Amino acid sequence: MAAPSIHVGNAGVDAPLDHGWLLGHFKDPGDPRHSEDVEIKWGIHPRGDRRVGRCDDRCHARS
């Protein structure tokens, strides 16, 4: 079993490199941001922006 690793970065800098994605199955398996269980996408939306109907009950956003 590989030792756990930690990735330290800046979402505003790192996210645009992968179309906003920070963590998920699409990262290289050796990358600490690789996960088969979780995907995280970063974005900045204008105040009041509403995106109704774009998520199902598995999708949650934090404001």
C-alpha atoms as a PDB file:
ATOM      1  CA  MET A   1       0.000   0.000   0.000  1.00  0.00           C
ATOM      2  CA  ALA A   2       1.363   3.411  -0.965  1.00  0.00           C
ATOM      3  CA  ALA A   3       1.913   6.040   1.687  1.00  0.00           C
ATOM      4  CA  PRO A   4      -0.784   8.733   1.672  1.00  0.00           C
ATOM      5  CA  SER A   5       0.251  11.962  -0.008  1.00  0.00           C
ATOM      6  CA  ILE A   6      -0.995  15.500   0.158  1.00  0.00           C
ATOM      7  CA  HIS A   7      -1.345  17.998  -2.676  1.00  0.00           C
ATOM      8  CA  VAL A   8      -1.115  21.676  -1.758  1.00  0.00           C
ATOM      9  CA  GLY A   9      -2.113  24.249  -4.315  1.00  0.00           C
ATOM     10  CA  ASN A  10      -4.391  27.079  -5.311  1.00  0.00           C
ATOM     11  CA  ALA A  11      -7.736  26.129  -6.884  1.00  0.00           C
ATOM     12  CA  GLY A  12      -7.868  29.375  -8.855  1.00  0.00           C
ATOM     13  CA  VAL A  13      -4.523  28.510 -10.457  1.00  0.00           C
ATOM     14  CA  ASP A  14      -4.796  24.703 -10.671  1.00  0.00           C
ATOM     15  CA  ALA A  15      -8.404  24.316 -11.859  1.00  0.00           C
ATOM     16  CA  PRO A  16      -8.102  26.035 -15.251  1.00  0.00           C
ATOM     17  CA  LEU A  17      -5.407  23.512 -16.214  1.00  0.00           C
ATOM     18  CA  ASP A  18      -8.108  20.773 -16.302  1.00  0.00           C
ATOM     19  CA  HIS A  19     -11.247  22.741 -17.258  1.00  0.00           C
ATOM     20  CA  GLY A  20     -12.029  23.380 -13.591  1.00  0.00           C
ATOM     21  CA  TRP A  21     -11.524  19.831 -12.333  1.00  0.00           C
ATOM     22  CA  LEU A  22      -9.392  19.478  -9.201  1.00  0.00           C
ATOM     23  CA  LEU A  23      -9.884  15.862  -8.140  1.00  0.00           C
ATOM     24  CA  GLY A  24     -11.261  12.731  -9.775  1.00  0.00           C
ATOM     25  CA  HIS A  25     -10.779   9.496 -11.688  1.00  0.00           C
ATOM     26  CA  PHE A  26      -9.311  11.333 -14.696  1.00  0.00           C
ATOM     27  CA  LYS A  27      -6.099  12.320 -12.857  1.00  0.00           C
ATOM     28  CA  ASP A  28      -3.095   9.984 -13.199  1.00  0.00           C
ATOM     29  CA  PRO A  29      -3.263   7.134 -10.660  1.00  0.00           C
ATOM     30  CA  GLY A  30       0.029   8.327  -9.105  1.00  0.00           C
ATOM     31  CA  ASP A  31      -1.348  11.856  -8.570  1.00  0.00           C
ATOM     32  CA  PRO A  32      -2.660  12.481  -5.033  1.00  0.00           C
ATOM     33  CA  ARG A  33      -5.692  14.150  -6.681  1.00  0.00           C
ATOM     34  CA  HIS A  34      -6.719  10.853  -8.299  1.00  0.00           C
ATOM     35  CA  SER A  35      -9.918   9.367  -6.836  1.00  0.00           C
ATOM     36  CA  GLU A  36     -12.337   6.723  -8.048  1.00  0.00           C
ATOM     37  CA  ASP A  37     -14.873   7.847  -5.411  1.00  0.00           C
ATOM     38  CA  VAL A  38     -15.001  11.647  -5.556  1.00  0.00           C
ATOM     39  CA  GLU A  39     -14.832  14.361  -8.232  1.00  0.00           C
ATOM     40  CA  ILE A  40     -14.410  18.046  -7.426  1.00  0.00           C
ATOM     41  CA  LYS A  41     -14.782  20.882  -9.903  1.00  0.00           C
ATOM     42  CA  TRP A  42     -13.919  24.487  -9.060  1.00  0.00           C
ATOM     43  CA  GLY A  43     -15.639  27.498 -10.546  1.00  0.00           C
ATOM     44  CA  ILE A  44     -16.389  31.111  -9.800  1.00  0.00           C
ATOM     45  CA  HIS A  45     -19.910  32.246 -10.608  1.00  0.00           C
ATOM     46  CA  PRO A  46     -21.225  35.799 -10.611  1.00  0.00           C
ATOM     47  CA  ARG A  47     -23.306  36.781  -7.576  1.00  0.00           C
ATOM     48  CA  GLY A  48     -26.903  35.660  -8.065  1.00  0.00           C
ATOM     49  CA  ASP A  49     -26.034  33.172 -10.810  1.00  0.00           C
ATOM     50  CA  ARG A  50     -28.530  30.275 -10.825  1.00  0.00           C
ATOM     51  CA  ARG A  51     -27.976  26.971 -12.589  1.00  0.00           C
ATOM     52  CA  VAL A  52     -31.239  25.185 -11.894  1.00  0.00           C
ATOM     53  CA  GLY A  53     -31.578  21.655 -13.176  1.00  0.00           C
ATOM     54  CA  ARG A  54     -27.887  21.040 -13.780  1.00  0.00           C
ATOM     55  CA  CYS A  55     -27.425  18.620 -10.874  1.00  0.00           C
ATOM     56  CA  ASP A  56     -29.226  15.577  -9.586  1.00  0.00           C
ATOM     57  CA  ASP A  57     -29.463  14.375  -5.994  1.00  0.00           C
ATOM     58  CA  ARG A  58     -25.781  13.305  -6.046  1.00  0.00           C
ATOM     59  CA  CYS A  59     -24.533  16.814  -6.836  1.00  0.00           C
ATOM     60  CA  HIS A  60     -23.996  19.410  -4.140  1.00  0.00           C
ATOM     61  CA  ALA A  61     -22.517  22.903  -4.357  1.00  0.00           C
ATOM     62  CA  ARG A  62     -21.181  24.978  -1.499  1.00  0.00           C
ATOM     63  CA  SER A  63     -21.493  28.742  -1.663  1.00  0.00           C
END
